N, C-alpha and C. Protein backbone atom coordinates (compact mmCIF):
# COMPACT_ATOMS: atom_id res chain seq x y z
N MET A 1 4.42 7.41 -10.35
CA MET A 1 3.39 7.19 -9.35
C MET A 1 4.07 6.80 -8.03
N ARG A 2 3.58 7.38 -6.94
CA ARG A 2 4.07 7.02 -5.62
C ARG A 2 3.46 5.70 -5.17
N LEU A 3 4.10 5.06 -4.22
CA LEU A 3 3.62 3.76 -3.72
C LEU A 3 2.24 3.92 -3.09
N GLY A 4 2.04 4.98 -2.31
CA GLY A 4 0.73 5.20 -1.70
C GLY A 4 -0.37 5.36 -2.72
N GLU A 5 -0.06 6.06 -3.82
CA GLU A 5 -1.04 6.21 -4.92
C GLU A 5 -1.35 4.86 -5.53
N ARG A 6 -0.32 4.02 -5.67
CA ARG A 6 -0.54 2.68 -6.25
C ARG A 6 -1.42 1.83 -5.34
N ILE A 7 -1.18 1.91 -4.03
CA ILE A 7 -2.01 1.15 -3.08
C ILE A 7 -3.46 1.63 -3.19
N ALA A 8 -3.66 2.94 -3.22
CA ALA A 8 -5.01 3.49 -3.34
C ALA A 8 -5.67 3.06 -4.64
N GLU A 9 -4.90 3.00 -5.70
CA GLU A 9 -5.42 2.58 -7.01
C GLU A 9 -5.91 1.11 -6.95
N ILE A 10 -5.13 0.25 -6.33
CA ILE A 10 -5.50 -1.15 -6.20
C ILE A 10 -6.75 -1.28 -5.33
N ILE A 11 -6.81 -0.55 -4.24
CA ILE A 11 -7.98 -0.59 -3.37
C ILE A 11 -9.24 -0.20 -4.16
N GLU A 12 -9.12 0.86 -4.94
CA GLU A 12 -10.25 1.31 -5.74
C GLU A 12 -10.63 0.31 -6.83
N GLU A 13 -9.63 -0.20 -7.56
CA GLU A 13 -9.89 -1.17 -8.64
C GLU A 13 -10.62 -2.40 -8.14
N ARG A 14 -10.29 -2.81 -6.94
CA ARG A 14 -10.85 -4.07 -6.41
C ARG A 14 -12.02 -3.84 -5.48
N ASN A 15 -12.45 -2.59 -5.38
CA ASN A 15 -13.60 -2.22 -4.51
C ASN A 15 -13.41 -2.65 -3.07
N PHE A 16 -12.18 -2.51 -2.59
CA PHE A 16 -11.89 -2.80 -1.19
C PHE A 16 -12.18 -1.55 -0.36
N LYS A 17 -12.33 -1.73 0.92
CA LYS A 17 -12.45 -0.62 1.86
C LYS A 17 -11.06 -0.35 2.43
N GLN A 18 -10.64 0.90 2.40
CA GLN A 18 -9.32 1.25 2.91
C GLN A 18 -9.16 0.81 4.35
N SER A 19 -10.18 0.97 5.17
CA SER A 19 -10.08 0.61 6.58
C SER A 19 -9.90 -0.91 6.75
N ALA A 20 -10.53 -1.70 5.89
CA ALA A 20 -10.39 -3.15 5.96
C ALA A 20 -9.00 -3.59 5.57
N ILE A 21 -8.43 -2.95 4.56
CA ILE A 21 -7.06 -3.27 4.13
C ILE A 21 -6.07 -2.84 5.20
N ALA A 22 -6.29 -1.67 5.79
CA ALA A 22 -5.41 -1.21 6.88
C ALA A 22 -5.41 -2.22 8.02
N ARG A 23 -6.57 -2.66 8.42
CA ARG A 23 -6.69 -3.63 9.52
C ARG A 23 -6.02 -4.94 9.16
N ALA A 24 -6.27 -5.44 7.94
CA ALA A 24 -5.69 -6.71 7.50
C ALA A 24 -4.16 -6.65 7.42
N ALA A 25 -3.64 -5.46 7.11
CA ALA A 25 -2.19 -5.29 7.01
C ALA A 25 -1.55 -4.96 8.36
N GLY A 26 -2.37 -4.78 9.39
CA GLY A 26 -1.84 -4.52 10.73
C GLY A 26 -1.60 -3.07 11.05
N TYR A 27 -2.28 -2.15 10.33
CA TYR A 27 -2.10 -0.73 10.55
C TYR A 27 -3.32 -0.12 11.22
N ASP A 28 -3.10 0.91 12.00
CA ASP A 28 -4.15 1.80 12.43
C ASP A 28 -4.63 2.53 11.17
N ARG A 29 -5.89 2.83 11.06
CA ARG A 29 -6.42 3.44 9.83
C ARG A 29 -5.78 4.79 9.54
N ARG A 30 -5.42 5.55 10.60
CA ARG A 30 -4.78 6.85 10.39
C ARG A 30 -3.38 6.69 9.80
N VAL A 31 -2.65 5.72 10.32
CA VAL A 31 -1.30 5.48 9.81
C VAL A 31 -1.37 5.03 8.35
N PHE A 32 -2.32 4.14 8.05
CA PHE A 32 -2.46 3.66 6.68
C PHE A 32 -2.86 4.80 5.75
N ASN A 33 -3.73 5.69 6.23
CA ASN A 33 -4.10 6.85 5.42
C ASN A 33 -2.89 7.72 5.15
N ASP A 34 -1.99 7.86 6.12
CA ASP A 34 -0.75 8.61 5.92
C ASP A 34 0.09 7.98 4.82
N ILE A 35 0.10 6.66 4.73
CA ILE A 35 0.82 5.97 3.66
C ILE A 35 0.18 6.31 2.31
N ILE A 36 -1.13 6.18 2.25
CA ILE A 36 -1.86 6.46 1.00
C ILE A 36 -1.60 7.91 0.53
N LYS A 37 -1.60 8.83 1.48
CA LYS A 37 -1.43 10.25 1.14
C LYS A 37 0.03 10.66 0.96
N GLY A 38 0.96 9.74 1.17
CA GLY A 38 2.37 10.04 0.98
C GLY A 38 3.03 10.75 2.15
N ARG A 39 2.35 10.78 3.30
CA ARG A 39 2.92 11.43 4.49
C ARG A 39 3.76 10.47 5.31
N ARG A 40 3.72 9.19 4.97
CA ARG A 40 4.53 8.17 5.67
C ARG A 40 5.08 7.20 4.64
N MET A 41 6.35 6.94 4.75
CA MET A 41 6.99 5.99 3.85
C MET A 41 6.72 4.57 4.32
N VAL A 42 6.68 3.66 3.37
CA VAL A 42 6.53 2.24 3.66
C VAL A 42 7.93 1.65 3.78
N LYS A 43 8.16 0.89 4.83
CA LYS A 43 9.44 0.21 5.01
C LYS A 43 9.41 -1.12 4.27
N GLY A 44 10.57 -1.57 3.86
CA GLY A 44 10.66 -2.82 3.11
C GLY A 44 10.03 -4.01 3.80
N ASP A 45 10.17 -4.08 5.12
CA ASP A 45 9.62 -5.23 5.84
C ASP A 45 8.10 -5.15 6.00
N GLU A 46 7.49 -4.04 5.59
CA GLU A 46 6.03 -3.91 5.65
C GLU A 46 5.34 -4.35 4.36
N ILE A 47 6.11 -4.53 3.32
CA ILE A 47 5.54 -4.89 2.01
C ILE A 47 4.76 -6.21 2.03
N PRO A 48 5.28 -7.28 2.65
CA PRO A 48 4.51 -8.52 2.63
C PRO A 48 3.11 -8.41 3.25
N SER A 49 2.99 -7.68 4.35
CA SER A 49 1.67 -7.55 4.99
C SER A 49 0.72 -6.74 4.11
N ILE A 50 1.23 -5.72 3.43
CA ILE A 50 0.39 -4.92 2.53
C ILE A 50 -0.03 -5.78 1.35
N CYS A 51 0.89 -6.53 0.78
CA CYS A 51 0.57 -7.40 -0.35
C CYS A 51 -0.46 -8.46 0.04
N ASN A 52 -0.28 -9.06 1.21
CA ASN A 52 -1.24 -10.06 1.68
C ASN A 52 -2.63 -9.46 1.85
N ALA A 53 -2.69 -8.29 2.42
CA ALA A 53 -3.98 -7.62 2.65
C ALA A 53 -4.67 -7.29 1.32
N LEU A 54 -3.86 -6.91 0.32
CA LEU A 54 -4.41 -6.57 -1.00
C LEU A 54 -4.62 -7.80 -1.88
N ARG A 55 -4.09 -8.95 -1.43
CA ARG A 55 -4.15 -10.21 -2.18
C ARG A 55 -3.45 -10.10 -3.54
N ILE A 56 -2.25 -9.53 -3.49
CA ILE A 56 -1.43 -9.37 -4.69
C ILE A 56 0.00 -9.75 -4.34
N ASP A 57 0.84 -9.85 -5.40
CA ASP A 57 2.27 -10.05 -5.16
C ASP A 57 2.99 -8.71 -5.28
N ALA A 58 4.23 -8.69 -4.88
CA ALA A 58 5.01 -7.45 -4.89
C ALA A 58 5.18 -6.87 -6.30
N ASN A 59 5.29 -7.73 -7.30
CA ASN A 59 5.41 -7.23 -8.68
C ASN A 59 4.18 -6.41 -9.07
N THR A 60 3.01 -6.89 -8.69
CA THR A 60 1.78 -6.17 -8.98
C THR A 60 1.74 -4.85 -8.20
N LEU A 61 2.15 -4.90 -6.94
CA LEU A 61 2.17 -3.69 -6.13
C LEU A 61 3.05 -2.62 -6.73
N PHE A 62 4.23 -3.01 -7.20
CA PHE A 62 5.19 -2.01 -7.68
C PHE A 62 5.06 -1.67 -9.16
N ALA A 63 4.11 -2.25 -9.87
CA ALA A 63 3.90 -1.90 -11.27
C ALA A 63 3.56 -0.43 -11.39
N GLY A 64 4.42 0.32 -12.03
CA GLY A 64 4.19 1.75 -12.26
C GLY A 64 4.69 2.65 -11.16
N VAL A 65 5.27 2.11 -10.09
CA VAL A 65 5.79 2.93 -9.00
C VAL A 65 7.18 3.43 -9.39
N ARG A 66 7.42 4.72 -9.16
CA ARG A 66 8.74 5.29 -9.48
C ARG A 66 9.81 4.63 -8.65
N GLU A 67 10.95 4.45 -9.22
CA GLU A 67 12.08 3.80 -8.53
C GLU A 67 12.42 4.50 -7.21
N ALA A 68 12.34 5.82 -7.19
CA ALA A 68 12.68 6.58 -6.00
C ALA A 68 11.69 6.35 -4.86
N ASP A 69 10.51 5.84 -5.17
CA ASP A 69 9.49 5.63 -4.13
C ASP A 69 9.42 4.19 -3.66
N LYS A 70 10.31 3.35 -4.13
CA LYS A 70 10.35 1.95 -3.67
C LYS A 70 11.14 1.88 -2.38
N PRO A 71 10.63 1.14 -1.39
CA PRO A 71 11.37 1.03 -0.12
C PRO A 71 12.68 0.26 -0.29
N VAL A 72 13.59 0.53 0.61
CA VAL A 72 14.89 -0.16 0.60
C VAL A 72 14.95 -1.20 1.69
C-alpha cells in the first residue's frame, strides 16, 4: 500500500473530511489530493503535521505501507 492510500484509508475509517485534514496539516486541498492520489511524495519533515491532523502516531500511519513508499 502507498502512503497516500494509507492516509485516504484513515480518513475514511474515521469519517474525516479530506479538506479538513488538508487544512489541519497545512496543505492546500489540491496538494493534499495529489498526495492521496500518489502524484506527490510526502517528505519526512511533513509526517508530524499529517499525523497531528489525523490524530494518530507515525506507527499507525505507516502500518501496511510498503518500505519503498516511506519518506526518507
